[in-house]
Protein backbone atom coordinates (compact mmCIF):
# COMPACT_ATOMS: atom_id res chain seq x y z
CA MET A 1 53.49 11.82 -11.41
CA PRO A 2 56.03 14.64 -11.69
CA PRO A 3 55.33 16.99 -14.56
CA ALA A 4 56.86 15.94 -17.86
CA ARG A 5 58.40 18.89 -19.68
CA LEU A 6 55.86 21.47 -18.58
CA PRO A 7 55.67 24.60 -20.71
CA LYS A 8 58.49 26.99 -19.81
CA ARG A 9 55.96 29.72 -19.04
CA ALA A 10 54.12 27.46 -16.57
CA VAL A 11 57.35 26.46 -14.85
CA ALA A 12 58.36 30.12 -14.54
CA VAL A 13 55.03 31.19 -13.08
CA LEU A 14 54.96 28.34 -10.60
CA ALA A 15 58.48 29.19 -9.54
CA VAL A 16 57.42 32.79 -8.95
CA LEU A 17 54.40 31.66 -6.97
CA ALA A 18 56.60 29.47 -4.84
CA GLY A 19 58.71 32.57 -4.26
CA LEU A 20 55.54 34.33 -3.08
CA ALA A 21 55.21 36.88 -5.89
CA TRP A 22 51.75 36.72 -7.47
CA VAL A 23 51.64 37.20 -11.24
CA GLY A 24 47.95 37.91 -11.69
CA ALA A 25 45.59 36.48 -14.26
CA VAL A 26 47.68 36.19 -17.41
CA PRO A 27 46.34 33.96 -20.20
CA GLY A 28 48.40 30.83 -20.77
CA PRO A 29 49.86 29.79 -24.11
CA ALA A 30 47.54 28.67 -26.87
CA SER A 31 47.34 24.90 -27.23
CA PRO A 32 45.28 22.32 -29.11
CA SER A 33 43.36 21.73 -25.87
CA ALA A 34 43.02 25.32 -24.72
CA ALA A 35 39.92 27.36 -25.42
CA ALA A 36 40.44 30.73 -27.05
CA SER A 37 38.96 32.58 -24.08
CA ALA A 38 38.69 32.00 -20.35
CA PRO A 39 35.45 30.41 -19.14
CA ARG A 40 32.99 32.29 -17.00
CA ALA A 41 32.88 31.64 -13.28
CA VAL A 42 31.66 28.10 -12.78
CA ALA A 43 27.93 27.90 -12.13
CA GLN A 44 25.92 24.92 -10.89
CA ALA A 45 27.13 21.92 -12.88
CA ALA A 46 25.70 21.76 -16.39
CA PRO A 47 24.89 18.46 -18.17
CA GLY A 48 27.82 16.77 -19.82
CA LEU A 49 31.14 15.63 -18.41
CA ALA A 50 31.21 17.91 -15.35
CA GLY A 51 32.12 15.80 -12.33
CA GLN A 52 33.86 13.08 -14.36
CA PHE A 53 37.50 12.31 -15.06
CA LEU A 54 38.95 12.96 -18.50
CA VAL A 55 41.92 10.61 -18.92
CA ALA A 56 44.60 10.98 -21.60
CA THR A 57 45.22 7.89 -23.70
CA ASP A 58 48.65 6.73 -24.84
CA THR A 59 48.01 8.33 -28.22
CA LEU A 60 48.08 11.83 -26.70
CA ARG A 61 51.74 12.89 -26.94
CA ASP A 62 51.46 16.58 -26.05
CA PRO A 63 53.73 16.86 -22.97
CA ARG A 64 51.29 19.29 -21.35
CA PHE A 65 48.66 16.55 -21.25
CA ALA A 66 50.45 13.20 -21.62
CA ARG A 67 49.11 10.73 -19.04
CA THR A 68 47.08 13.37 -17.29
CA VAL A 69 43.90 12.89 -15.31
CA ILE A 70 41.61 15.91 -15.52
CA TYR A 71 38.66 16.54 -13.25
CA MET A 72 35.98 18.17 -15.39
CA VAL A 73 34.47 21.30 -13.83
CA ARG A 74 32.30 22.51 -16.70
CA HIS A 75 31.07 21.03 -19.98
CA ASP A 76 28.25 22.59 -21.96
CA ALA A 77 27.43 24.10 -25.33
CA THR A 78 29.96 26.90 -24.83
CA GLY A 79 32.94 24.64 -24.18
CA ALA A 80 34.62 22.81 -21.33
CA MET A 81 36.95 23.40 -18.40
CA GLY A 82 38.86 21.00 -16.17
CA LEU A 83 41.79 20.79 -13.77
CA VAL A 84 44.72 18.39 -14.07
CA VAL A 85 44.86 16.51 -10.76
CA ASN A 86 47.93 14.29 -11.10
CA ARG A 87 50.81 16.73 -11.66
CA PRO A 88 52.02 18.15 -8.36
CA VAL A 89 54.72 20.78 -8.75
CA ARG A 90 55.95 21.76 -5.30
CA ASP A 91 54.93 22.45 -1.71
CA MET A 92 54.48 26.12 -0.72
CA PRO A 93 54.60 27.47 2.88
CA LEU A 94 51.17 28.76 3.84
CA GLY A 95 52.14 31.42 6.37
CA PRO A 96 54.34 33.52 4.08
CA LEU A 97 51.89 33.03 1.20
CA LEU A 98 48.98 34.48 3.18
CA ARG A 99 51.13 37.28 4.58
CA LYS A 100 52.21 38.26 1.07
CA PHE A 101 48.59 38.99 0.18
CA GLY A 102 47.70 40.82 3.37
CA ARG A 103 45.90 37.88 4.97
CA ASP A 104 46.14 37.06 8.66
CA ASP A 105 48.85 34.43 9.13
CA ARG A 106 48.71 34.19 12.92
CA GLY A 107 48.89 30.56 14.00
CA VAL A 108 49.36 29.39 10.42
CA THR A 109 51.83 26.58 9.82
CA GLY A 110 52.39 23.92 7.23
CA THR A 111 52.43 23.91 3.45
CA VAL A 112 50.08 23.46 0.51
CA ARG A 113 50.96 21.36 -2.50
CA ALA A 114 50.56 23.27 -5.77
CA HIS A 115 49.50 21.26 -8.83
CA TYR A 116 49.78 22.11 -12.52
CA GLY A 117 46.11 22.50 -13.41
CA GLY A 118 46.63 23.22 -17.10
CA PRO A 119 48.17 25.71 -19.56
CA VAL A 120 45.43 28.37 -19.46
CA GLU A 121 45.38 31.28 -16.95
CA ILE A 122 48.47 30.00 -15.16
CA GLY A 123 48.42 32.97 -12.82
CA GLN A 124 45.07 31.84 -11.40
CA GLY A 125 44.59 29.49 -8.45
CA PHE A 126 41.74 27.02 -8.01
CA LEU A 127 40.83 24.77 -5.10
CA LEU A 128 38.90 21.55 -5.65
CA HIS A 129 37.42 20.43 -2.37
CA THR A 130 34.65 18.61 -0.58
CA ALA A 131 31.42 20.58 -0.66
CA GLU A 132 30.77 20.92 3.06
CA TYR A 133 33.03 23.97 2.90
CA THR A 134 32.07 27.21 1.12
CA THR A 135 33.59 30.67 0.81
CA GLU A 136 33.71 33.50 -1.72
CA GLY A 137 33.06 32.17 -5.22
CA THR A 138 32.58 28.54 -4.21
CA GLU A 139 30.41 26.55 -6.62
CA ARG A 140 29.33 22.94 -6.40
CA VAL A 141 30.51 20.91 -9.39
CA ALA A 142 28.95 17.50 -8.86
CA GLY A 143 27.95 15.40 -5.87
CA ASP A 144 30.11 16.29 -2.88
CA ILE A 145 32.79 18.11 -4.90
CA ALA A 146 33.04 21.91 -5.22
CA MET A 147 35.54 24.40 -6.63
CA THR A 148 36.70 27.76 -5.29
CA PRO A 149 38.55 30.05 -7.73
CA THR A 150 40.66 33.14 -7.13
CA PRO A 151 40.29 35.24 -4.98
CA GLY A 152 38.32 33.01 -2.60
CA VAL A 153 41.05 30.40 -2.81
CA LEU A 154 43.22 32.53 -0.47
CA THR A 155 40.52 32.50 2.19
CA ALA A 156 40.16 28.77 1.75
CA LEU A 157 43.90 28.17 2.11
CA GLY A 158 43.93 30.24 5.29
CA ASP A 159 41.07 28.20 6.69
CA ILE A 160 42.84 24.97 5.76
CA ALA A 161 45.94 26.14 7.60
CA ARG A 162 43.86 26.75 10.73
CA GLY A 163 42.04 23.44 10.56
CA ALA A 164 38.76 25.08 9.51
CA GLY A 165 38.86 24.31 5.79
CA PRO A 166 37.32 21.51 3.76
CA ARG A 167 37.78 17.89 4.71
CA LYS A 168 39.67 17.17 1.47
CA SER A 169 41.17 19.57 -1.07
CA LEU A 170 43.52 19.94 -4.05
CA PHE A 171 45.13 23.26 -5.04
CA ALA A 172 45.82 23.83 -8.73
CA ILE A 173 47.31 26.67 -10.76
CA GLY A 174 45.95 27.15 -14.28
CA TYR A 175 43.33 25.04 -16.02
CA ALA A 176 42.63 23.10 -19.21
CA GLY A 177 39.99 24.59 -21.49
CA TRP A 178 38.26 23.72 -24.75
CA ALA A 179 36.13 25.74 -27.16
CA SER A 180 32.65 24.59 -28.16
CA GLY A 181 32.84 21.14 -29.78
CA GLN A 182 36.62 20.89 -29.43
CA LEU A 183 36.73 18.34 -26.63
CA GLU A 184 34.15 16.16 -28.33
CA GLY A 185 36.38 16.03 -31.42
CA GLU A 186 39.43 15.07 -29.37
CA ILE A 187 37.49 12.27 -27.66
CA GLU A 188 36.29 10.98 -31.04
CA ARG A 189 39.88 10.88 -32.27
CA GLY A 190 40.85 8.72 -29.29
CA ALA A 191 42.93 11.28 -27.36
CA TRP A 192 40.81 10.96 -24.22
CA ILE A 193 38.55 8.55 -22.40
CA THR A 194 36.06 9.45 -19.69
CA VAL A 195 35.58 7.51 -16.46
CA PRO A 196 33.56 8.03 -13.27
CA ALA A 197 35.18 10.30 -10.69
CA ASP A 198 35.03 9.96 -6.95
CA GLU A 199 36.54 11.60 -3.90
CA ALA A 200 38.97 8.76 -3.17
CA LEU A 201 40.79 9.01 -6.49
CA LEU A 202 40.47 12.79 -6.88
CA PHE A 203 42.21 13.49 -3.57
CA ASP A 204 44.54 10.47 -3.55
CA GLU A 205 47.93 11.67 -2.31
CA ASP A 206 49.81 9.27 -4.58
CA PRO A 207 49.64 11.11 -7.93
CA ALA A 208 51.92 8.61 -9.66
CA ARG A 209 49.14 6.01 -9.51
CA LYS A 210 46.20 8.19 -10.54
CA TRP A 211 46.57 7.71 -14.28
CA ASP A 212 46.88 3.92 -14.00
CA ARG A 213 43.92 3.71 -11.62
CA ALA A 214 41.75 5.99 -13.75
CA THR A 215 42.63 4.09 -16.94
CA ALA A 216 41.80 0.81 -15.21
CA ARG A 217 38.31 2.12 -14.45
CA ARG A 218 37.64 2.35 -18.16
CA ARG A 219 38.69 -1.26 -18.67
CA ILE A 220 36.45 -2.37 -15.82
CA THR A 221 33.37 -0.52 -17.05
CA ILE A 222 33.49 -1.65 -20.69
């Protein structure tokens, strides 16, 4: 679905990115669902909700998270991290983007769709993708899904543009984060449900249907 009243700071940063001026890693605004500090680089998936979908219920009114589907990347005793996967923002031309950062853009065509990944570190890019592909910083999350953070994401985007990237991918800017115990409390209060994740729904190119489909999974598995 299109983003509903995204934070002004996020909109501004995404607009700058689309204009090919990188803003660097600047912490996003504090929020009830944002951890106080950025998580460490994602290691091999820890026990918990990593690899599952976190789905906002109708009781969650915060416009940054209303009707979002979040793919959970990390969840352990130190907190949790995930990427919103159903709020595309705009398509960005790959050639000029790579050239801006000194990367080889020869033979590069096409665009990449940037998604709003969450309100934290909205100057950072992350690529969720199938795990047959690896580059700098790539870590497997669960099953056949991996994540590549900045700066390896630029290499990955270049490879995608040349047909040498992962089979499936989703590019997000920013992430959603929770401090230790915070997400568990929000789930107990009914703000979120968790459902199984899979490649088909994660990389579905119809974001408007992701929330309905993810919510339906909960009803089916009761």
